[in-house]
Protein backbone atom coordinates (compact mmCIF):
# COMPACT_ATOMS: atom_id res chain seq x y z
CA MET A 1 -40.25 37.17 19.01
CA PRO A 2 -39.16 34.38 16.67
CA ARG A 3 -37.14 35.51 13.68
CA GLY A 4 -37.56 34.54 10.05
CA ALA A 5 -40.92 33.21 8.95
CA GLY A 6 -42.23 33.36 12.52
CA PHE A 7 -42.11 37.16 12.38
CA PHE A 8 -44.95 37.11 9.84
CA SER A 9 -47.17 34.85 11.94
CA GLY A 10 -49.37 35.85 14.86
CA LYS A 11 -50.47 39.46 15.01
CA MET A 12 -48.29 40.45 12.03
CA ALA A 13 -50.37 38.13 9.83
CA VAL A 14 -53.33 40.38 10.62
CA ILE A 15 -51.65 43.79 10.83
CA LEU A 16 -49.69 43.74 7.57
CA PRO A 17 -52.52 42.73 5.18
CA SER A 18 -55.06 44.94 6.96
CA ALA A 19 -52.74 47.97 6.81
CA PHE A 20 -52.23 47.36 3.09
CA ILE A 21 -55.95 47.09 2.31
CA ASN A 22 -56.83 50.13 4.40
CA SER A 23 -54.12 52.21 2.76
CA LEU A 24 -55.43 51.12 -0.63
CA ALA A 25 -58.93 52.28 0.36
CA VAL A 26 -57.73 55.59 1.81
CA GLY A 27 -55.63 56.33 -1.29
CA CYS A 28 -58.49 55.59 -3.70
CA MET A 29 -60.87 57.66 -1.60
CA SER A 30 -58.51 60.62 -1.19
CA LEU A 31 -57.54 61.18 -4.82
CA GLY A 32 -60.92 60.05 -6.11
CA MET A 33 -62.78 62.50 -3.87
CA LEU A 34 -60.42 65.31 -4.89
CA PHE A 35 -61.13 64.76 -8.59
CA ALA A 36 -64.85 64.36 -7.90
CA VAL A 37 -65.33 67.65 -6.05
CA LYS A 38 -63.17 69.48 -8.59
CA ASP A 39 -64.67 68.11 -11.80
CA LEU A 40 -68.23 67.14 -10.79
CA PHE A 41 -69.03 69.90 -8.32
CA GLY A 42 -66.78 72.74 -9.58
CA ALA A 43 -64.75 73.30 -6.39
CA GLY A 44 -61.82 75.73 -6.68
CA PRO A 45 -58.21 75.05 -5.55
CA GLY A 46 -58.73 76.47 -2.06
CA LEU A 47 -61.87 74.41 -1.49
CA VAL A 48 -60.26 71.27 -2.88
CA ALA A 49 -57.25 71.68 -0.57
CA SER A 50 -59.64 72.34 2.31
CA LEU A 51 -61.34 69.01 1.62
CA GLY A 52 -58.05 67.21 2.12
CA ALA A 53 -57.42 69.25 5.26
CA LEU A 54 -60.92 68.42 6.51
CA TRP A 55 -60.14 64.69 6.48
CA SER A 56 -56.91 65.34 8.37
CA THR A 57 -58.64 67.67 10.84
CA ALA A 58 -61.37 65.11 11.47
CA TYR A 59 -58.74 62.41 11.96
CA LEU A 60 -56.77 64.59 14.38
CA THR A 61 -59.98 65.31 16.29
CA GLY A 62 -60.76 61.61 16.36
CA CYS A 63 -57.31 60.78 17.73
CA ILE A 64 -58.02 63.13 20.63
CA VAL A 65 -61.72 62.48 21.25
CA LEU A 66 -61.70 58.74 20.62
CA ARG A 67 -58.39 57.93 22.35
CA VAL A 68 -60.00 56.59 25.53
CA PRO A 69 -62.81 54.60 23.82
CA ALA A 70 -60.31 53.15 21.34
CA ARG A 71 -58.00 52.02 24.15
CA ARG A 72 -60.89 50.24 25.90
CA LEU A 73 -61.55 48.13 22.82
CA ARG A 74 -59.38 45.31 21.62
CA PRO A 75 -57.45 46.45 18.52
CA ARG A 76 -59.37 44.26 16.08
CA THR A 77 -62.69 45.42 17.50
CA ALA A 78 -61.69 49.08 17.11
CA MET A 79 -60.45 48.43 13.57
CA THR A 80 -63.73 46.75 12.61
CA VAL A 81 -65.75 49.67 13.98
CA MET A 82 -63.76 52.04 11.78
CA LEU A 83 -64.02 49.91 8.64
CA LEU A 84 -67.76 49.30 8.85
CA GLY A 85 -68.58 52.86 9.93
CA SER A 86 -66.48 54.34 7.13
CA ALA A 87 -68.06 52.03 4.55
CA VAL A 88 -71.50 53.27 5.63
CA SER A 89 -70.35 56.91 5.42
CA VAL A 90 -68.86 56.49 1.94
CA SER A 91 -71.92 54.56 0.73
CA ALA A 92 -74.19 57.37 1.96
CA PHE A 93 -72.29 59.85 -0.21
CA LEU A 94 -72.52 57.53 -3.23
CA ALA A 95 -76.29 57.23 -2.71
CA TYR A 96 -76.73 61.04 -2.49
CA PRO A 97 -73.70 62.67 -4.18
CA GLY A 98 -73.11 66.39 -3.80
CA LEU A 99 -70.45 68.89 -2.68
CA TRP A 100 -71.50 69.22 0.94
CA GLN A 101 -72.33 65.52 1.14
CA ALA A 102 -68.75 64.89 0.03
CA PHE A 103 -67.41 67.08 2.83
CA ALA A 104 -69.64 65.40 5.43
CA SER A 105 -68.77 61.87 4.30
CA TYR A 106 -65.07 62.63 4.10
CA ALA A 107 -65.07 64.18 7.58
CA CYS A 108 -66.83 61.14 9.04
CA PHE A 109 -64.34 58.86 7.29
CA GLY A 110 -61.42 60.79 8.78
CA PHE A 111 -62.90 60.89 12.28
CA LEU A 112 -63.52 57.14 12.38
CA THR A 113 -60.01 56.37 11.11
CA ALA A 114 -58.81 57.19 14.63
CA PHE A 115 -60.22 53.76 15.54
CA PHE A 116 -57.84 52.12 13.08
CA TRP A 117 -54.24 53.36 12.92
CA PRO A 118 -53.42 54.23 16.58
CA PRO A 119 -54.83 50.96 18.02
CA MET A 120 -53.09 48.98 15.29
CA MET A 121 -49.74 50.67 15.93
CA GLY A 122 -50.04 50.24 19.68
CA TRP A 123 -50.76 46.53 19.18
CA LEU A 124 -47.92 46.28 16.67
CA SER A 125 -45.24 47.67 18.99
CA LYS A 126 -46.14 45.74 22.15
CA GLY A 127 -43.39 43.32 23.16
CA TYR A 128 -40.74 44.71 20.78
CA GLU A 129 -37.61 46.77 21.40
CA GLY A 130 -34.42 47.58 19.51
CA ALA A 131 -33.90 45.75 16.23
CA GLU A 132 -37.20 43.85 16.46
CA LEU A 133 -39.15 47.08 17.05
CA ASN A 134 -37.38 48.64 14.08
CA ARG A 135 -38.20 45.64 11.91
CA ALA A 136 -41.83 45.57 13.01
CA THR A 137 -42.42 49.29 12.41
CA SER A 138 -40.59 49.14 9.07
CA MET A 139 -42.61 46.17 7.82
CA PHE A 140 -45.81 47.85 8.94
CA SER A 141 -44.81 51.04 7.11
CA PHE A 142 -43.78 49.02 4.06
CA SER A 143 -47.19 47.34 4.04
CA TRP A 144 -49.29 50.50 4.08
CA SER A 145 -46.96 52.27 1.65
CA ILE A 146 -47.43 49.48 -0.91
CA GLY A 147 -51.12 50.36 -0.77
CA GLY A 148 -50.16 53.96 -1.46
CA ILE A 149 -48.19 52.93 -4.55
CA ILE A 150 -51.11 51.09 -6.09
CA SER A 151 -53.95 53.37 -4.98
CA SER A 152 -52.70 56.66 -6.46
CA TYR A 153 -52.32 55.35 -10.00
CA MET A 154 -55.44 53.19 -9.69
CA ALA A 155 -57.50 56.19 -8.54
CA GLY A 156 -56.24 58.23 -11.49
CA LEU A 157 -57.15 55.52 -13.99
CA LEU A 158 -60.57 54.93 -12.43
CA SER A 159 -61.33 58.68 -12.37
CA GLU A 160 -60.79 58.87 -16.12
CA ARG A 161 -63.50 56.24 -16.56
CA GLY A 162 -65.94 57.60 -14.00
CA LYS A 163 -65.47 60.24 -11.33
CA LEU A 164 -67.16 58.16 -8.65
CA LEU A 165 -65.46 54.86 -9.49
CA PRO A 166 -62.48 55.30 -7.10
CA ILE A 167 -64.91 56.04 -4.27
CA ILE A 168 -66.98 52.95 -5.07
CA VAL A 169 -63.80 50.84 -5.02
CA ALA A 170 -62.79 52.43 -1.70
CA ALA A 171 -66.12 51.45 -0.11
CA ALA A 172 -65.71 47.87 -1.38
CA LEU A 173 -62.16 47.67 0.02
CA LEU A 174 -63.33 48.87 3.45
CA LEU A 175 -65.90 46.06 3.52
CA VAL A 176 -63.33 43.48 2.39
CA ASN A 177 -60.95 44.61 5.12
CA ALA A 178 -63.69 44.44 7.75
CA ALA A 179 -64.40 40.85 6.70
CA PHE A 180 -60.70 39.97 6.81
CA VAL A 181 -60.18 41.43 10.30
CA THR A 182 -63.27 39.61 11.58
CA VAL A 183 -62.29 36.26 10.05
CA SER A 184 -58.71 36.66 11.32
CA ARG A 185 -59.95 35.76 14.81
CA LEU A 186 -60.34 32.20 13.55
CA PHE A 187 -56.67 31.75 12.59
CA VAL A 188 -54.95 34.27 14.91
CA ARG A 189 -56.30 33.76 18.41
CA LEU A 190 -54.05 36.06 20.40
CA ASP A 191 -54.75 38.13 23.46
CA GLU A 192 -54.38 41.62 22.05
CA GLU A 193 -53.87 43.24 25.43
CA PRO A 194 -50.96 42.72 27.87
CA SER A 195 -51.55 40.61 30.93
CA ALA A 196 -52.26 42.38 34.23
CA GLU A 197 -48.71 41.65 35.36
CA ALA A 198 -47.17 43.05 32.18
CA ALA A 199 -49.37 46.12 32.34
CA GLU A 200 -48.26 46.75 35.93
CA VAL A 201 -44.58 46.51 34.95
CA GLU A 202 -45.03 48.79 31.95
CA ALA A 203 -46.82 51.37 34.10
CA VAL A 204 -43.76 51.66 36.38
CA VAL A 205 -40.86 51.33 33.95
CA ASP A 206 -40.52 54.02 31.29
CA ARG A 207 -37.29 54.18 29.30
CA SER A 208 -38.43 56.45 26.51
CA THR A 209 -36.00 58.81 24.79
CA PRO A 210 -36.26 62.62 24.48
CA LEU A 211 -35.23 62.24 20.83
CA ARG A 212 -38.93 61.72 20.20
CA TYR A 213 -39.48 65.48 20.39
CA PRO A 214 -37.25 66.53 17.47
CA ALA A 215 -38.45 63.42 15.62
CA TRP A 216 -42.08 64.51 16.06
CA LEU A 217 -41.20 68.00 14.82
CA GLY A 218 -39.60 66.33 11.80
CA VAL A 219 -42.71 64.34 10.96
CA PHE A 220 -44.82 67.51 11.29
CA LEU A 221 -42.58 69.25 8.75
CA ALA A 222 -42.50 66.27 6.39
CA TYR A 223 -46.27 65.95 6.37
CA ALA A 224 -46.73 69.67 5.75
CA VAL A 225 -44.91 68.89 2.50
CA MET A 226 -47.13 65.84 1.97
CA GLY A 227 -50.25 67.99 2.43
CA VAL A 228 -49.13 70.10 -0.53
CA VAL A 229 -48.06 67.11 -2.62
CA ILE A 230 -51.28 65.17 -2.10
CA ASN A 231 -53.91 67.93 -1.98
CA VAL A 232 -52.49 70.95 -3.87
CA PHE A 233 -50.16 69.54 -6.50
CA PRO A 234 -52.93 67.57 -8.31
CA VAL A 235 -54.93 70.79 -8.83
CA PHE A 236 -51.85 72.65 -10.08
CA ALA A 237 -50.83 69.75 -12.33
CA SER A 238 -54.31 69.56 -13.86
CA ASP A 239 -54.98 73.28 -14.28
CA GLU A 240 -51.53 74.66 -15.18
CA LEU A 241 -49.53 71.71 -16.48
CA GLY A 242 -52.47 70.10 -18.28
CA LEU A 243 -51.69 66.62 -16.99
CA SER A 244 -54.29 63.85 -17.08
CA GLU A 245 -55.64 62.17 -13.96
CA SER A 246 -53.63 59.01 -14.64
CA THR A 247 -50.39 60.98 -15.14
CA ILE A 248 -50.97 62.84 -11.88
CA GLY A 249 -51.67 59.53 -10.18
CA LEU A 250 -48.45 58.12 -11.65
CA ALA A 251 -46.42 61.03 -10.25
CA LEU A 252 -47.88 60.40 -6.80
CA THR A 253 -47.27 56.67 -7.25
CA ILE A 254 -43.57 57.35 -7.86
CA ARG A 255 -43.44 59.22 -4.56
CA ALA A 256 -45.20 56.34 -2.79
CA ALA A 257 -42.84 53.81 -4.41
CA ALA A 258 -39.81 55.74 -3.15
CA THR A 259 -41.33 55.79 0.34
CA THR A 260 -41.87 52.03 0.19
CA VAL A 261 -38.28 51.39 -0.87
CA GLY A 262 -37.17 53.57 2.03
CA PHE A 263 -39.23 51.58 4.52
CA LEU A 264 -37.92 48.29 3.14
CA ALA A 265 -34.32 49.47 3.51
CA LEU A 266 -34.89 50.82 7.02
CA GLY A 267 -36.21 47.45 8.12
CA ARG A 268 -32.75 45.99 7.46
CA LEU A 269 -30.61 48.90 8.69
CA THR A 270 -30.09 49.97 12.28
CA PHE A 271 -27.02 52.20 12.07
CA TRP A 272 -29.20 55.33 11.99
CA GLN A 273 -30.78 54.67 15.39
CA PHE A 274 -29.93 57.33 18.02
CA LYS A 275 -27.72 59.24 15.57
CA ARG A 276 -28.78 62.71 16.67
CA ALA A 277 -27.33 64.66 13.74
CA ALA A 278 -29.46 62.62 11.30
CA ILE A 279 -32.70 64.15 12.60
CA PRO A 280 -32.13 67.80 11.53
CA ALA A 281 -30.13 66.63 8.49
CA LEU A 282 -33.29 65.06 7.03
CA SER A 283 -35.17 68.37 7.31
CA ILE A 284 -32.29 70.22 5.64
CA ALA A 285 -32.33 67.73 2.74
CA ALA A 286 -36.10 68.12 2.42
CA ALA A 287 -35.77 71.94 2.39
CA ALA A 288 -33.25 71.78 -0.46
CA THR A 289 -35.43 69.38 -2.47
CA VAL A 290 -38.59 71.44 -2.04
CA ALA A 291 -36.72 74.63 -3.00
CA LEU A 292 -35.66 72.97 -6.26
CA LEU A 293 -39.27 71.94 -6.96
CA ALA A 294 -40.15 75.65 -7.15
CA ALA A 295 -38.36 75.71 -10.52
CA ALA A 296 -39.90 72.48 -11.90
CA ARG A 297 -42.38 72.90 -14.76
CA ASN A 298 -42.89 69.40 -16.15
CA ALA A 299 -43.94 65.95 -14.97
CA ALA A 300 -40.40 64.55 -15.11
CA GLY A 301 -39.03 67.26 -12.82
CA PHE A 302 -41.76 66.72 -10.25
CA ALA A 303 -41.38 62.94 -10.44
CA LEU A 304 -37.66 63.26 -9.67
CA GLY A 305 -38.30 65.63 -6.77
CA PHE A 306 -41.09 63.43 -5.43
CA THR A 307 -38.72 60.44 -5.47
CA VAL A 308 -36.36 62.23 -3.08
CA ILE A 309 -39.27 63.46 -0.96
CA GLY A 310 -40.62 59.91 -0.75
CA LEU A 311 -37.31 58.54 0.54
CA LEU A 312 -37.02 61.34 3.09
CA GLN A 313 -40.63 60.80 4.18
CA ALA A 314 -39.88 57.16 4.96
CA MET A 315 -36.90 58.07 7.15
CA VAL A 316 -38.72 60.86 8.99
CA TYR A 317 -41.85 58.76 9.57
CA ASN A 318 -39.77 55.85 10.84
CA ASN A 319 -37.86 58.17 13.20
CA SER A 320 -41.09 59.54 14.65
CA LEU A 321 -42.70 56.17 15.24
CA PHE A 322 -39.51 54.44 16.44
CA TYR A 323 -38.40 57.13 18.89
CA GLY A 324 -41.98 57.68 20.00
CA VAL A 325 -42.67 54.12 21.15
CA SER A 326 -39.13 52.96 21.97
CA GLY A 327 -38.92 52.26 25.70
CA ALA A 328 -42.34 53.84 26.34
CA SER A 329 -44.73 52.51 28.98
CA ASP A 330 -47.84 53.75 27.12
CA ARG A 331 -47.35 52.89 23.48
CA ASP A 332 -50.97 53.40 22.43
CA LYS A 333 -50.76 57.00 23.61
CA ARG A 334 -47.41 57.56 21.90
CA ALA A 335 -48.76 56.13 18.65
CA SER A 336 -51.68 58.57 18.91
CA VAL A 337 -49.26 61.47 19.41
CA HIS A 338 -47.27 60.36 16.35
CA GLU A 339 -50.44 60.22 14.24
CA SER A 340 -51.76 63.53 15.62
CA VAL A 341 -48.53 65.41 14.92
CA LEU A 342 -48.18 64.18 11.34
CA THR A 343 -51.86 64.84 10.70
CA PHE A 344 -51.55 68.40 12.01
CA GLY A 345 -48.63 68.85 9.63
CA GLN A 346 -50.72 67.64 6.72
CA ILE A 347 -53.53 70.01 7.69
CA THR A 348 -51.10 72.92 7.83
CA GLY A 349 -49.63 72.11 4.43
CA SER A 350 -52.98 71.48 2.75
CA VAL A 351 -54.78 74.61 3.95
CA SER A 352 -51.93 77.13 3.73
CA GLY A 353 -50.61 75.62 0.49
CA GLY A 354 -54.04 75.64 -1.14
CA PHE A 355 -54.78 79.26 -0.40
CA VAL A 356 -51.24 80.48 -1.21
CA TYR A 357 -51.46 78.68 -4.55
CA GLN A 358 -54.89 80.16 -5.27
CA ALA A 359 -53.71 83.68 -4.38
CA LEU A 360 -50.25 83.53 -5.97
CA SER A 361 -48.89 80.46 -7.76
CA MET A 362 -47.13 77.18 -7.04
CA PRO A 363 -43.48 78.36 -6.71
CA PRO A 364 -44.27 80.54 -3.64
CA VAL A 365 -45.86 77.47 -2.02
CA PHE A 366 -42.65 75.46 -2.39
CA ILE A 367 -40.46 78.38 -1.30
CA GLY A 368 -42.61 78.82 1.82
CA LEU A 369 -42.26 75.10 2.60
CA ALA A 370 -38.47 75.31 2.16
CA LEU A 371 -38.29 78.19 4.64
CA LEU A 372 -40.47 76.30 7.12
CA LEU A 373 -38.26 73.21 6.83
CA GLY A 374 -35.12 75.31 7.32
CA ALA A 375 -36.51 76.91 10.49
CA GLY A 376 -37.62 73.49 11.70
CA ALA A 377 -34.16 72.02 11.12
CA ALA A 378 -32.65 74.78 13.27
CA ALA A 379 -35.15 74.05 16.05
CA GLN A 380 -34.40 70.32 15.82
CA ALA A 381 -30.68 70.98 16.13
CA VAL A 382 -31.29 72.91 19.35
CA MET A 383 -33.54 70.14 20.70
CA VAL A 384 -31.03 67.43 19.81
CA TYR A 385 -28.21 69.32 21.54
CA ALA A 386 -30.35 69.87 24.63
CA GLY A 387 -31.12 66.14 24.76
CA HIS A 388 -27.49 65.15 24.20
CA ARG A 389 -26.68 65.28 27.89
CA HIS A 390 -29.98 63.67 28.94
CA PRO A 391 -29.30 60.11 30.17
CA LYS A 392 -32.45 58.76 28.54
CA ALA A 393 -31.24 59.91 25.11
CA ARG A 394 -28.86 56.94 25.12
CA VAL A 395 -31.54 54.31 25.75
């Protein structure tokens, strides 16, 4: 792959903008729908957290059920199906708003998203290894995380002016992205699938690393934390801290900004690759940070903690995606596993965190997460040691 400006031509000229726009839409939809069901339809903390978990559950189901159909479509075709189908689903809710309509629309949105991220990530990683794979995955992650920075604060501001406004904007962004992906065929005319010869070679040669297993456990743990941050914290911040929607959105934006900075740095650094001790160390750092959040009682304290969590999220996510597809013969499948594992983590955090918060309070939620991260770090250390003598671990 050509370096420099050439890296941003070809498929990257489609993937990076489309990932940004889709992340912007998902962020507006997620926080906007949370505020809508809470303030318009009177949903309690447990039900609000369950809404976030429903999207993740539907997405996880889609990654499993739609894996074969998605692989049979060219990536841009699959992405367009998701964008148009989701726009229809969101528009149906806007036409007939209600609590159960919100759940149905959100579930459909999550299910169809399986046609977007896994095919895009499989297409992204094809033909790359080593430093170029690291740079490609980091720039992809940087692109969607920029959307997360903007969308959280934007959704908070829009919600203060109208509870359905973020959802309307999300529907418009989905349509804009669908148009962009469709038009991109005019200026990026690439075969999105490997040739028959390349496919035959990839089917025989598999040089994947067993470090993907502790890395996948790490992304599960990190996204259990994210499930609480995204779906439980806003309810707590509104009800107990008395923060406005825009302030809550700003706190989440700070987390997203830290994640983006992390992705940008990782795109230029390679020293961390195949450093086994770094994998459990990230979970230990996350456990310490989350434990400290149990004592936070103001926006500044949470913003500081979320900054650290955002940086750690970037490193853990990058580990999972990099080790998952590095040397693999079936990268679409590995990308689906990566997405499924992190989504299951987000479901776990959202549901358990929501009901623990409703039954007790927020500090026990953070303490429970810290204990989970500590146990996970111990398991990762065992897995890393077991893989130390495996020849593929050095690939």
